[in-house]
Amino acid sequence: MAKNSGIKLNLPSADDLFSTQEERDEESRESIQDIPIGEITDFPNHPFQVKMDESMMDMAESVKQYGVLVPALVREKAGGGYEMIAGHRRKMASELAGKTEMPCIIRNVTEDEAVLIMVDSNLQREEILPSEKAFAYKMKLEAMNRQGRRTDLTSTPSVAKFRTNETLAKEVGESRETIRRYIRLTELIPPILDMVDNGKVAMRPAVELSYLPKDQQETLYDTMQSEDCTPSHAQAIKLRKFSESGKLGEDVILSILSEEKPNQVEQFKIPKKRIDKYFSPGTSMKQMEDTIVKALELYRKKERDKGRER
């Protein structure tokens, strides 16, 4: 009896024997399919807002006339259906346009790969809120760390994390320190984070406030609302120091916020309710202010022209 030589032969499968290379290439190639919108769920903890603003209405009108021109990107879910990776705005526009299906590319990717694609595709937007960047950078950094994207596999965890931070910074065109500051914003309570998005609280003081425990942040927010003021960077540093020493109470918060800021200028305020009707939903306070100033400049020019005509 012949002895087994131990040599294994890699025999072709039946599919390989009875299908052409062209057919096998076609099977592996991604294709565009029309998928029922009801079968597509949003990406978990999607950090980018999908606003019902004028731009969305324009997109919905375009989808109604021409359909979705750029397919969305989805992946199959284990329990059935699909998970959106890129295309949340197109999905809402399709729903507003009365569509029941939308064209999608189905891609077989892991959860971390999906996070990286989702973040990168949305960072291409022209306008991104600080809160959107904050949670997007955090999600991407965590996914990169899980994937072990580092150049030296013998690195200690701290060195590996440093290198991952460097990689992320280079990919998004920000400094490591800027990335760190944005991610700190995820520690803010939602009302204060909204104030950062609206331009009422600047980045540097916001980062300092992120180190306060949640209950102290809530007390601070209530005080800011009642006193109609926000902390400067120096005041935010002072709030953090008192917090770390265990001495930050409501009276201390009020005392610090009551201090006059060195560069404080007189503010002229108009109740937001009085001017809301003149702006589209989702318009930021900064955009409102710029529009009002431009309108006043046009009004003054018109009055001057009238004076010359007389």
C-alpha atoms as a PDB file:
ATOM      1  CA  MET A   1       0.000   0.000   0.000  1.00  0.00           C
ATOM      2  CA  ALA A   2       1.371   3.418  -0.972  1.00  0.00           C
ATOM      3  CA  LYS A   3       2.169   5.679   1.887  1.00  0.00           C
ATOM      4  CA  ASN A   4       0.524   9.081   2.202  1.00  0.00           C
ATOM      5  CA  SER A   5       3.184  11.585   1.131  1.00  0.00           C
ATOM      6  CA  GLY A   6       1.565  14.408   3.138  1.00  0.00           C
ATOM      7  CA  ILE A   7       1.258  16.601   0.063  1.00  0.00           C
ATOM      8  CA  LYS A   8      -2.078  18.472  -0.150  1.00  0.00           C
ATOM      9  CA  LEU A   9      -3.452  19.330  -3.545  1.00  0.00           C
ATOM     10  CA  ASN A  10      -5.383  22.596  -3.932  1.00  0.00           C
ATOM     11  CA  LEU A  11      -8.140  21.387  -6.200  1.00  0.00           C
ATOM     12  CA  PRO A  12     -10.466  23.940  -7.811  1.00  0.00           C
ATOM     13  CA  SER A  13     -14.001  24.088  -6.499  1.00  0.00           C
ATOM     14  CA  ALA A  14     -17.005  23.092  -8.589  1.00  0.00           C
ATOM     15  CA  ASP A  15     -17.883  26.801  -9.004  1.00  0.00           C
ATOM     16  CA  ASP A  16     -14.413  27.499 -10.348  1.00  0.00           C
ATOM     17  CA  LEU A  17     -14.599  24.554 -12.756  1.00  0.00           C
ATOM     18  CA  PHE A  18     -17.983  25.456 -14.228  1.00  0.00           C
ATOM     19  CA  SER A  19     -17.895  29.275 -14.249  1.00  0.00           C
ATOM     20  CA  THR A  20     -15.833  31.727 -16.261  1.00  0.00           C
ATOM     21  CA  GLN A  21     -13.417  34.248 -14.741  1.00  0.00           C
ATOM     22  CA  GLU A  22     -15.723  37.013 -15.988  1.00  0.00           C
ATOM     23  CA  GLU A  23     -18.651  35.512 -14.057  1.00  0.00           C
ATOM     24  CA  ARG A  24     -16.552  35.187 -10.894  1.00  0.00           C
ATOM     25  CA  ASP A  25     -15.386  38.810 -11.227  1.00  0.00           C
ATOM     26  CA  GLU A  26     -18.983  39.943 -11.679  1.00  0.00           C
ATOM     27  CA  GLU A  27     -20.056  38.152  -8.471  1.00  0.00           C
ATOM     28  CA  SER A  28     -17.343  39.867  -6.413  1.00  0.00           C
ATOM     29  CA  ARG A  29     -17.983  43.295  -7.942  1.00  0.00           C
ATOM     30  CA  GLU A  30     -20.178  45.712  -5.955  1.00  0.00           C
ATOM     31  CA  SER A  31     -23.464  46.428  -7.654  1.00  0.00           C
ATOM     32  CA  ILE A  32     -26.108  49.097  -7.233  1.00  0.00           C
ATOM     33  CA  GLN A  33     -29.486  47.869  -6.006  1.00  0.00           C
ATOM     34  CA  ASP A  34     -32.779  49.626  -5.307  1.00  0.00           C
ATOM     35  CA  ILE A  35     -33.513  48.906  -1.634  1.00  0.00           C
ATOM     36  CA  PRO A  36     -36.786  49.676   0.204  1.00  0.00           C
ATOM     37  CA  ILE A  37     -36.137  52.696   2.430  1.00  0.00           C
ATOM     38  CA  GLY A  38     -38.018  51.009   5.282  1.00  0.00           C
ATOM     39  CA  GLU A  39     -35.340  48.305   5.395  1.00  0.00           C
ATOM     40  CA  ILE A  40     -32.499  50.806   5.959  1.00  0.00           C
ATOM     41  CA  THR A  41     -31.750  51.902   9.538  1.00  0.00           C
ATOM     42  CA  ASP A  42     -29.535  54.838  10.488  1.00  0.00           C
ATOM     43  CA  PHE A  43     -25.948  54.303  11.572  1.00  0.00           C
ATOM     44  CA  PRO A  44     -25.841  53.796  15.376  1.00  0.00           C
ATOM     45  CA  ASN A  45     -24.971  57.030  17.207  1.00  0.00           C
ATOM     46  CA  HIS A  46     -24.601  58.867  13.913  1.00  0.00           C
ATOM     47  CA  PRO A  47     -22.799  62.095  14.938  1.00  0.00           C
ATOM     48  CA  PHE A  48     -23.849  64.256  12.001  1.00  0.00           C
ATOM     49  CA  GLN A  49     -27.175  66.081  12.114  1.00  0.00           C
ATOM     50  CA  VAL A  50     -29.678  65.657   9.292  1.00  0.00           C
ATOM     51  CA  LYS A  51     -31.506  68.977   9.328  1.00  0.00           C
ATOM     52  CA  MET A  52     -34.885  69.813   7.873  1.00  0.00           C
ATOM     53  CA  ASP A  53     -33.603  73.070   6.379  1.00  0.00           C
ATOM     54  CA  GLU A  54     -33.785  74.856   3.035  1.00  0.00           C
ATOM     55  CA  SER A  55     -30.933  72.771   1.649  1.00  0.00           C
ATOM     56  CA  MET A  56     -32.831  69.582   2.515  1.00  0.00           C
ATOM     57  CA  MET A  57     -35.980  70.847   0.793  1.00  0.00           C
ATOM     58  CA  ASP A  58     -33.925  71.633  -2.326  1.00  0.00           C
ATOM     59  CA  MET A  59     -32.443  68.127  -2.241  1.00  0.00           C
ATOM     60  CA  ALA A  60     -35.895  66.579  -1.860  1.00  0.00           C
ATOM     61  CA  GLU A  61     -37.130  68.539  -4.887  1.00  0.00           C
ATOM     62  CA  SER A  62     -34.128  67.350  -6.896  1.00  0.00           C
ATOM     63  CA  VAL A  63     -34.766  63.724  -5.874  1.00  0.00           C
ATOM     64  CA  LYS A  64     -38.418  64.103  -6.847  1.00  0.00           C
ATOM     65  CA  GLN A  65     -37.433  65.254 -10.342  1.00  0.00           C
ATOM     66  CA  TYR A  66     -34.298  63.260 -11.085  1.00  0.00           C
ATOM     67  CA  GLY A  67     -34.041  60.571  -8.395  1.00  0.00           C
ATOM     68  CA  VAL A  68     -30.990  59.890  -6.218  1.00  0.00           C
ATOM     69  CA  LEU A  69     -28.029  60.469  -8.532  1.00  0.00           C
ATOM     70  CA  VAL A  70     -25.319  59.195  -6.154  1.00  0.00           C
ATOM     71  CA  PRO A  71     -26.137  55.806  -4.544  1.00  0.00           C
ATOM     72  CA  ALA A  72     -25.978  55.510  -0.759  1.00  0.00           C
ATOM     73  CA  LEU A  73     -23.597  53.056   0.890  1.00  0.00           C
ATOM     74  CA  VAL A  74     -25.061  50.385   3.201  1.00  0.00           C
ATOM     75  CA  ARG A  75     -24.080  47.105   4.794  1.00  0.00           C
ATOM     76  CA  GLU A  76     -26.221  44.082   5.584  1.00  0.00           C
ATOM     77  CA  LYS A  77     -27.323  43.580   9.202  1.00  0.00           C
ATOM     78  CA  ALA A  78     -27.062  40.192  10.871  1.00  0.00           C
ATOM     79  CA  GLY A  79     -30.751  40.122  11.724  1.00  0.00           C
ATOM     80  CA  GLY A  80     -31.888  41.257   8.286  1.00  0.00           C
ATOM     81  CA  GLY A  81     -32.215  44.640   6.645  1.00  0.00           C
ATOM     82  CA  TYR A  82     -29.473  47.158   6.035  1.00  0.00           C
ATOM     83  CA  GLU A  83     -27.502  49.763   7.999  1.00  0.00           C
ATOM     84  CA  MET A  84     -26.770  53.112   6.414  1.00  0.00           C
ATOM     85  CA  ILE A  85     -23.078  54.017   6.225  1.00  0.00           C
ATOM     86  CA  ALA A  86     -23.154  57.051   3.942  1.00  0.00           C
ATOM     87  CA  GLY A  87     -26.304  58.676   2.609  1.00  0.00           C
ATOM     88  CA  HIS A  88     -28.469  59.751   5.573  1.00  0.00           C
ATOM     89  CA  ARG A  89     -29.403  63.080   3.924  1.00  0.00           C
ATOM     90  CA  ARG A  90     -30.241  61.330   0.646  1.00  0.00           C
ATOM     91  CA  LYS A  91     -32.447  58.936   2.577  1.00  0.00           C
ATOM     92  CA  MET A  92     -34.421  61.771   4.212  1.00  0.00           C
ATOM     93  CA  ALA A  93     -34.686  63.605   0.898  1.00  0.00           C
ATOM     94  CA  SER A  94     -36.044  60.422  -0.709  1.00  0.00           C
ATOM     95  CA  GLU A  95     -38.652  60.082   2.038  1.00  0.00           C
ATOM     96  CA  LEU A  96     -39.707  63.719   1.607  1.00  0.00           C
ATOM     97  CA  ALA A  97     -39.932  63.163  -2.148  1.00  0.00           C
ATOM     98  CA  GLY A  98     -42.313  60.248  -1.584  1.00  0.00           C
ATOM     99  CA  LYS A  99     -39.891  57.564  -2.743  1.00  0.00           C
ATOM    100  CA  THR A 100     -40.176  54.043  -1.330  1.00  0.00           C
ATOM    101  CA  GLU A 101     -36.803  52.815  -2.601  1.00  0.00           C
ATOM    102  CA  MET A 102     -33.369  54.305  -3.118  1.00  0.00           C
ATOM    103  CA  PRO A 103     -30.270  53.113  -4.997  1.00  0.00           C
ATOM    104  CA  CYS A 104     -27.579  51.715  -2.699  1.00  0.00           C
ATOM    105  CA  ILE A 105     -24.210  50.017  -2.896  1.00  0.00           C
ATOM    106  CA  ILE A 106     -24.064  47.042  -0.521  1.00  0.00           C
ATOM    107  CA  ARG A 107     -20.593  46.658   0.943  1.00  0.00           C
ATOM    108  CA  ASN A 108     -19.344  43.866   3.175  1.00  0.00           C
ATOM    109  CA  VAL A 109     -17.390  45.733   5.874  1.00  0.00           C
ATOM    110  CA  THR A 110     -16.764  45.342   9.594  1.00  0.00           C
ATOM    111  CA  GLU A 111     -18.248  47.705  12.176  1.00  0.00           C
ATOM    112  CA  ASP A 112     -14.962  49.601  12.561  1.00  0.00           C
ATOM    113  CA  GLU A 113     -14.496  49.867   8.804  1.00  0.00           C
ATOM    114  CA  ALA A 114     -18.036  51.227   8.557  1.00  0.00           C
ATOM    115  CA  VAL A 115     -17.255  53.858  11.213  1.00  0.00           C
ATOM    116  CA  LEU A 116     -14.189  55.051   9.302  1.00  0.00           C
ATOM    117  CA  ILE A 117     -16.085  55.290   6.014  1.00  0.00           C
ATOM    118  CA  MET A 118     -19.055  57.037   7.651  1.00  0.00           C
ATOM    119  CA  VAL A 119     -16.896  59.669   9.358  1.00  0.00           C
ATOM    120  CA  ASP A 120     -14.662  60.324   6.352  1.00  0.00           C
ATOM    121  CA  SER A 121     -17.590  60.727   3.956  1.00  0.00           C
ATOM    122  CA  ASN A 122     -19.328  63.249   6.230  1.00  0.00           C
ATOM    123  CA  LEU A 123     -16.214  65.283   7.020  1.00  0.00           C
ATOM    124  CA  GLN A 124     -16.319  66.438   3.396  1.00  0.00           C
ATOM    125  CA  ARG A 125     -19.296  68.704   4.189  1.00  0.00           C
ATOM    126  CA  GLU A 126     -18.741  72.457   3.925  1.00  0.00           C
ATOM    127  CA  GLU A 127     -20.304  73.294   7.288  1.00  0.00           C
ATOM    128  CA  ILE A 128     -19.711  71.020  10.296  1.00  0.00           C
ATOM    129  CA  LEU A 129     -20.751  71.866  13.841  1.00  0.00           C
ATOM    130  CA  PRO A 130     -18.216  71.542  16.686  1.00  0.00           C
ATOM    131  CA  SER A 131     -20.375  68.817  18.286  1.00  0.00           C
ATOM    132  CA  GLU A 132     -20.410  66.855  15.011  1.00  0.00           C
ATOM    133  CA  LYS A 133     -16.619  66.992  14.740  1.00  0.00           C
ATOM    134  CA  ALA A 134     -16.285  66.100  18.427  1.00  0.00           C
ATOM    135  CA  PHE A 135     -18.249  62.845  18.271  1.00  0.00           C
ATOM    136  CA  ALA A 136     -16.990  61.986  14.773  1.00  0.00           C
ATOM    137  CA  TYR A 137     -13.332  62.321  15.802  1.00  0.00           C
ATOM    138  CA  LYS A 138     -13.995  60.290  18.948  1.00  0.00           C
ATOM    139  CA  MET A 139     -15.708  57.489  17.005  1.00  0.00           C
ATOM    140  CA  LYS A 140     -12.972  57.393  14.382  1.00  0.00           C
ATOM    141  CA  LEU A 141     -10.139  57.403  16.922  1.00  0.00           C
ATOM    142  CA  GLU A 142     -11.748  54.566  18.887  1.00  0.00           C
ATOM    143  CA  ALA A 143     -12.238  52.544  15.695  1.00  0.00           C
ATOM    144  CA  MET A 144      -8.613  53.136  14.662  1.00  0.00           C
ATOM    145  CA  ASN A 145      -7.383  52.071  18.108  1.00  0.00           C
ATOM    146  CA  ARG A 146      -9.452  48.868  17.945  1.00  0.00           C
ATOM    147  CA  GLN A 147      -8.025  48.121  14.528  1.00  0.00           C
ATOM    148  CA  GLY A 148      -4.499  48.564  15.908  1.00  0.00           C
ATOM    149  CA  ARG A 149      -3.452  50.991  13.215  1.00  0.00           C
ATOM    150  CA  ARG A 150       0.144  51.648  14.331  1.00  0.00           C
ATOM    151  CA  THR A 151       3.536  51.293  12.759  1.00  0.00           C
ATOM    152  CA  ASP A 152       5.275  49.320  15.536  1.00  0.00           C
ATOM    153  CA  LEU A 153       3.449  46.267  16.893  1.00  0.00           C
ATOM    154  CA  THR A 154       5.763  46.160  19.908  1.00  0.00           C
ATOM    155  CA  SER A 155       4.726  49.647  21.028  1.00  0.00           C
ATOM    156  CA  THR A 156       3.271  50.168  24.488  1.00  0.00           C
ATOM    157  CA  PRO A 157      -0.435  51.175  24.578  1.00  0.00           C
ATOM    158  CA  SER A 158       0.426  54.824  25.296  1.00  0.00           C
ATOM    159  CA  VAL A 159       2.853  55.002  22.375  1.00  0.00           C
ATOM    160  CA  ALA A 160       0.373  53.227  20.098  1.00  0.00           C
ATOM    161  CA  LYS A 161      -2.367  55.678  21.070  1.00  0.00           C
ATOM    162  CA  PHE A 162      -0.022  58.606  20.434  1.00  0.00           C
ATOM    163  CA  ARG A 163       0.693  57.318  16.941  1.00  0.00           C
ATOM    164  CA  THR A 164      -2.987  56.735  16.234  1.00  0.00           C
ATOM    165  CA  ASN A 165      -3.690  60.322  17.286  1.00  0.00           C
ATOM    166  CA  GLU A 166      -0.968  61.481  14.911  1.00  0.00           C
ATOM    167  CA  THR A 167      -2.462  59.446  12.070  1.00  0.00           C
ATOM    168  CA  LEU A 168      -5.938  60.851  12.674  1.00  0.00           C
ATOM    169  CA  ALA A 169      -4.586  64.406  12.863  1.00  0.00           C
ATOM    170  CA  LYS A 170      -2.853  64.014   9.493  1.00  0.00           C
ATOM    171  CA  GLU A 171      -5.911  62.436   7.855  1.00  0.00           C
ATOM    172  CA  VAL A 172      -8.323  65.213   8.876  1.00  0.00           C
ATOM    173  CA  GLY A 173      -5.841  68.087   8.560  1.00  0.00           C
ATOM    174  CA  GLU A 174      -5.965  69.149  12.222  1.00  0.00           C
ATOM    175  CA  SER A 175      -3.317  69.268  14.937  1.00  0.00           C
ATOM    176  CA  ARG A 176      -3.243  66.615  17.682  1.00  0.00           C
ATOM    177  CA  GLU A 177      -4.125  69.305  20.214  1.00  0.00           C
ATOM    178  CA  THR A 178      -7.141  70.405  18.175  1.00  0.00           C
ATOM    179  CA  ILE A 179      -8.319  66.784  17.947  1.00  0.00           C
ATOM    180  CA  ARG A 180      -7.943  66.459  21.727  1.00  0.00           C
ATOM    181  CA  ARG A 181      -9.963  69.628  22.326  1.00  0.00           C
ATOM    182  CA  TYR A 182     -12.780  68.530  20.057  1.00  0.00           C
ATOM    183  CA  ILE A 183     -13.025  65.122  21.732  1.00  0.00           C
ATOM    184  CA  ARG A 184     -13.163  66.830  25.168  1.00  0.00           C
ATOM    185  CA  LEU A 185     -16.394  68.496  24.024  1.00  0.00           C
ATOM    186  CA  THR A 186     -18.129  65.106  24.148  1.00  0.00           C
ATOM    187  CA  GLU A 187     -17.941  65.372  27.953  1.00  0.00           C
ATOM    188  CA  LEU A 188     -20.203  68.456  27.984  1.00  0.00           C
ATOM    189  CA  ILE A 189     -23.892  68.163  28.842  1.00  0.00           C
ATOM    190  CA  PRO A 190     -26.116  68.678  25.759  1.00  0.00           C
ATOM    191  CA  PRO A 191     -27.349  72.220  26.641  1.00  0.00           C
ATOM    192  CA  ILE A 192     -23.804  73.564  27.002  1.00  0.00           C
ATOM    193  CA  LEU A 193     -22.681  71.703  23.874  1.00  0.00           C
ATOM    194  CA  ASP A 194     -25.563  73.392  22.024  1.00  0.00           C
ATOM    195  CA  MET A 195     -24.186  76.747  23.199  1.00  0.00           C
ATOM    196  CA  VAL A 196     -20.824  75.805  21.655  1.00  0.00           C
ATOM    197  CA  ASP A 197     -22.564  74.937  18.367  1.00  0.00           C
ATOM    198  CA  ASN A 198     -24.428  78.252  18.442  1.00  0.00           C
ATOM    199  CA  GLY A 199     -21.252  80.225  19.070  1.00  0.00           C
ATOM    200  CA  LYS A 200     -22.301  81.367  22.541  1.00  0.00           C
ATOM    201  CA  VAL A 201     -19.452  79.499  24.263  1.00  0.00           C
ATOM    202  CA  ALA A 202     -16.017  79.484  22.611  1.00  0.00           C
ATOM    203  CA  MET A 203     -13.882  76.370  22.191  1.00  0.00           C
ATOM    204  CA  ARG A 204     -11.192  77.091  24.799  1.00  0.00           C
ATOM    205  CA  PRO A 205     -13.551  77.815  27.726  1.00  0.00           C
ATOM    206  CA  ALA A 206     -15.744  74.890  26.597  1.00  0.00           C
ATOM    207  CA  VAL A 207     -12.786  72.512  26.917  1.00  0.00           C
ATOM    208  CA  GLU A 208     -12.162  73.698  30.490  1.00  0.00           C
ATOM    209  CA  LEU A 209     -15.849  73.302  31.358  1.00  0.00           C
ATOM    210  CA  SER A 210     -15.790  69.721  30.049  1.00  0.00           C
ATOM    211  CA  TYR A 211     -13.738  68.726  33.118  1.00  0.00           C
ATOM    212  CA  LEU A 212     -16.569  69.707  35.487  1.00  0.00           C
ATOM    213  CA  PRO A 213     -18.781  66.857  36.747  1.00  0.00           C
ATOM    214  CA  LYS A 214     -22.195  66.705  35.074  1.00  0.00           C
ATOM    215  CA  ASP A 215     -24.079  68.028  38.115  1.00  0.00           C
ATOM    216  CA  GLN A 216     -21.807  71.089  38.294  1.00  0.00           C
ATOM    217  CA  GLN A 217     -22.244  71.637  34.554  1.00  0.00           C
ATOM    218  CA  GLU A 218     -26.016  71.631  35.052  1.00  0.00           C
ATOM    219  CA  THR A 219     -25.738  74.197  37.878  1.00  0.00           C
ATOM    220  CA  LEU A 220     -23.453  76.288  35.690  1.00  0.00           C
ATOM    221  CA  TYR A 221     -25.897  76.120  32.778  1.00  0.00           C
ATOM    222  CA  ASP A 222     -28.815  77.230  34.984  1.00  0.00           C
ATOM    223  CA  THR A 223     -26.720  80.151  36.246  1.00  0.00           C
ATOM    224  CA  MET A 224     -25.711  81.151  32.714  1.00  0.00           C
ATOM    225  CA  GLN A 225     -29.371  81.140  31.700  1.00  0.00           C
ATOM    226  CA  SER A 226     -30.591  83.146  34.701  1.00  0.00           C
ATOM    227  CA  GLU A 227     -27.736  85.680  34.522  1.00  0.00           C
ATOM    228  CA  ASP A 228     -27.670  85.764  30.697  1.00  0.00           C
ATOM    229  CA  CYS A 229     -23.885  85.391  30.542  1.00  0.00           C
ATOM    230  CA  THR A 230     -21.185  82.916  29.566  1.00  0.00           C
ATOM    231  CA  PRO A 231     -17.694  82.365  31.038  1.00  0.00           C
ATOM    232  CA  SER A 232     -14.523  83.687  29.450  1.00  0.00           C
ATOM    233  CA  HIS A 233     -11.521  81.388  29.096  1.00  0.00           C
ATOM    234  CA  ALA A 234     -10.016  82.769  32.319  1.00  0.00           C
ATOM    235  CA  GLN A 235     -13.298  82.286  34.180  1.00  0.00           C
ATOM    236  CA  ALA A 236     -13.629  78.726  32.847  1.00  0.00           C
ATOM    237  CA  ILE A 237     -10.125  77.920  34.125  1.00  0.00           C
ATOM    238  CA  LYS A 238     -11.106  79.325  37.515  1.00  0.00           C
ATOM    239  CA  LEU A 239     -14.305  77.231  37.558  1.00  0.00           C
ATOM    240  CA  ARG A 240     -12.289  74.095  36.797  1.00  0.00           C
ATOM    241  CA  LYS A 241      -9.745  74.828  39.561  1.00  0.00           C
ATOM    242  CA  PHE A 242     -12.490  75.365  42.155  1.00  0.00           C
ATOM    243  CA  SER A 243     -14.151  72.146  40.982  1.00  0.00           C
ATOM    244  CA  GLU A 244     -10.947  70.122  41.296  1.00  0.00           C
ATOM    245  CA  SER A 245     -10.437  71.451  44.828  1.00  0.00           C
ATOM    246  CA  GLY A 246     -14.004  70.479  45.769  1.00  0.00           C
ATOM    247  CA  LYS A 247     -15.131  74.076  46.358  1.00  0.00           C
ATOM    248  CA  LEU A 248     -17.348  74.762  43.331  1.00  0.00           C
ATOM    249  CA  GLY A 249     -20.896  75.438  44.503  1.00  0.00           C
ATOM    250  CA  GLU A 250     -23.715  77.538  43.114  1.00  0.00           C
ATOM    251  CA  ASP A 251     -22.566  80.646  45.001  1.00  0.00           C
ATOM    252  CA  VAL A 252     -18.991  80.298  43.712  1.00  0.00           C
ATOM    253  CA  ILE A 253     -20.243  79.828  40.148  1.00  0.00           C
ATOM    254  CA  LEU A 254     -22.370  82.984  40.428  1.00  0.00           C
ATOM    255  CA  SER A 255     -19.461  84.922  41.918  1.00  0.00           C
ATOM    256  CA  ILE A 256     -17.077  83.923  39.113  1.00  0.00           C
ATOM    257  CA  LEU A 257     -19.589  84.645  36.336  1.00  0.00           C
ATOM    258  CA  SER A 258     -20.340  88.051  37.874  1.00  0.00           C
ATOM    259  CA  GLU A 259     -16.730  89.161  37.486  1.00  0.00           C
ATOM    260  CA  GLU A 260     -16.308  91.759  34.757  1.00  0.00           C
ATOM    261  CA  LYS A 261     -14.325  90.464  31.804  1.00  0.00           C
ATOM    262  CA  PRO A 262     -11.295  92.595  30.789  1.00  0.00           C
ATOM    263  CA  ASN A 263     -12.455  92.772  27.181  1.00  0.00           C
ATOM    264  CA  GLN A 264     -16.149  92.943  27.954  1.00  0.00           C
ATOM    265  CA  VAL A 265     -18.139  95.171  25.610  1.00  0.00           C
ATOM    266  CA  GLU A 266     -21.691  96.356  25.880  1.00  0.00           C
ATOM    267  CA  GLN A 267     -24.155  93.958  24.271  1.00  0.00           C
ATOM    268  CA  PHE A 268     -27.356  94.895  22.450  1.00  0.00           C
ATOM    269  CA  LYS A 269     -29.782  91.980  22.496  1.00  0.00           C
ATOM    270  CA  ILE A 270     -33.021  91.242  20.676  1.00  0.00           C
ATOM    271  CA  PRO A 271     -35.331  88.431  21.855  1.00  0.00           C
ATOM    272  CA  LYS A 272     -34.872  85.538  19.411  1.00  0.00           C
ATOM    273  CA  LYS A 273     -38.633  85.006  19.143  1.00  0.00           C
ATOM    274  CA  ARG A 274     -39.016  88.439  17.538  1.00  0.00           C
ATOM    275  CA  ILE A 275     -36.737  87.624  14.601  1.00  0.00           C
ATOM    276  CA  ASP A 276     -37.219  83.845  14.157  1.00  0.00           C
ATOM    277  CA  LYS A 277     -39.887  84.357  11.476  1.00  0.00           C
ATOM    278  CA  TYR A 278     -37.371  86.107   9.209  1.00  0.00           C
ATOM    279  CA  PHE A 279     -34.958  83.152   9.107  1.00  0.00           C
ATOM    280  CA  SER A 280     -35.039  79.550   7.954  1.00  0.00           C
ATOM    281  CA  PRO A 281     -35.135  76.826  10.639  1.00  0.00           C
ATOM    282  CA  GLY A 282     -31.635  75.842  11.749  1.00  0.00           C
ATOM    283  CA  THR A 283     -30.071  79.256  11.073  1.00  0.00           C
ATOM    284  CA  SER A 284     -27.316  79.867  13.631  1.00  0.00           C
ATOM    285  CA  MET A 285     -27.186  82.978  15.821  1.00  0.00           C
ATOM    286  CA  LYS A 286     -23.993  84.057  14.032  1.00  0.00           C
ATOM    287  CA  GLN A 287     -25.723  83.867  10.646  1.00  0.00           C
ATOM    288  CA  MET A 288     -28.683  85.835  12.014  1.00  0.00           C
ATOM    289  CA  GLU A 289     -26.366  88.514  13.374  1.00  0.00           C
ATOM    290  CA  ASP A 290     -24.465  88.799  10.072  1.00  0.00           C
ATOM    291  CA  THR A 291     -27.713  89.057   8.101  1.00  0.00           C
ATOM    292  CA  ILE A 292     -29.109  91.771  10.406  1.00  0.00           C
ATOM    293  CA  VAL A 293     -25.878  93.807  10.147  1.00  0.00           C
ATOM    294  CA  LYS A 294     -25.955  93.558   6.331  1.00  0.00           C
ATOM    295  CA  ALA A 295     -29.609  94.611   6.289  1.00  0.00           C
ATOM    296  CA  LEU A 296     -28.796  97.638   8.473  1.00  0.00           C
ATOM    297  CA  GLU A 297     -25.908  98.579   6.174  1.00  0.00           C
ATOM    298  CA  LEU A 298     -28.234  98.448   3.154  1.00  0.00           C
ATOM    299  CA  TYR A 299     -30.828 100.502   5.029  1.00  0.00           C
ATOM    300  CA  ARG A 300     -28.247 103.150   5.937  1.00  0.00           C
ATOM    301  CA  LYS A 301     -27.026 103.306   2.320  1.00  0.00           C
ATOM    302  CA  LYS A 302     -30.603 103.711   1.116  1.00  0.00           C
ATOM    303  CA  GLU A 303     -31.205 106.567   3.579  1.00  0.00           C
ATOM    304  CA  ARG A 304     -27.998 108.291   2.447  1.00  0.00           C
ATOM    305  CA  ASP A 305     -29.056 108.004  -1.199  1.00  0.00           C
ATOM    306  CA  LYS A 306     -32.396 109.579  -0.307  1.00  0.00           C
ATOM    307  CA  GLY A 307     -30.589 112.472   1.383  1.00  0.00           C
ATOM    308  CA  ARG A 308     -28.472 113.110  -1.717  1.00  0.00           C
ATOM    309  CA  GLU A 309     -31.555 113.136  -3.957  1.00  0.00           C
ATOM    310  CA  ARG A 310     -33.066 115.930  -1.870  1.00  0.00           C
END
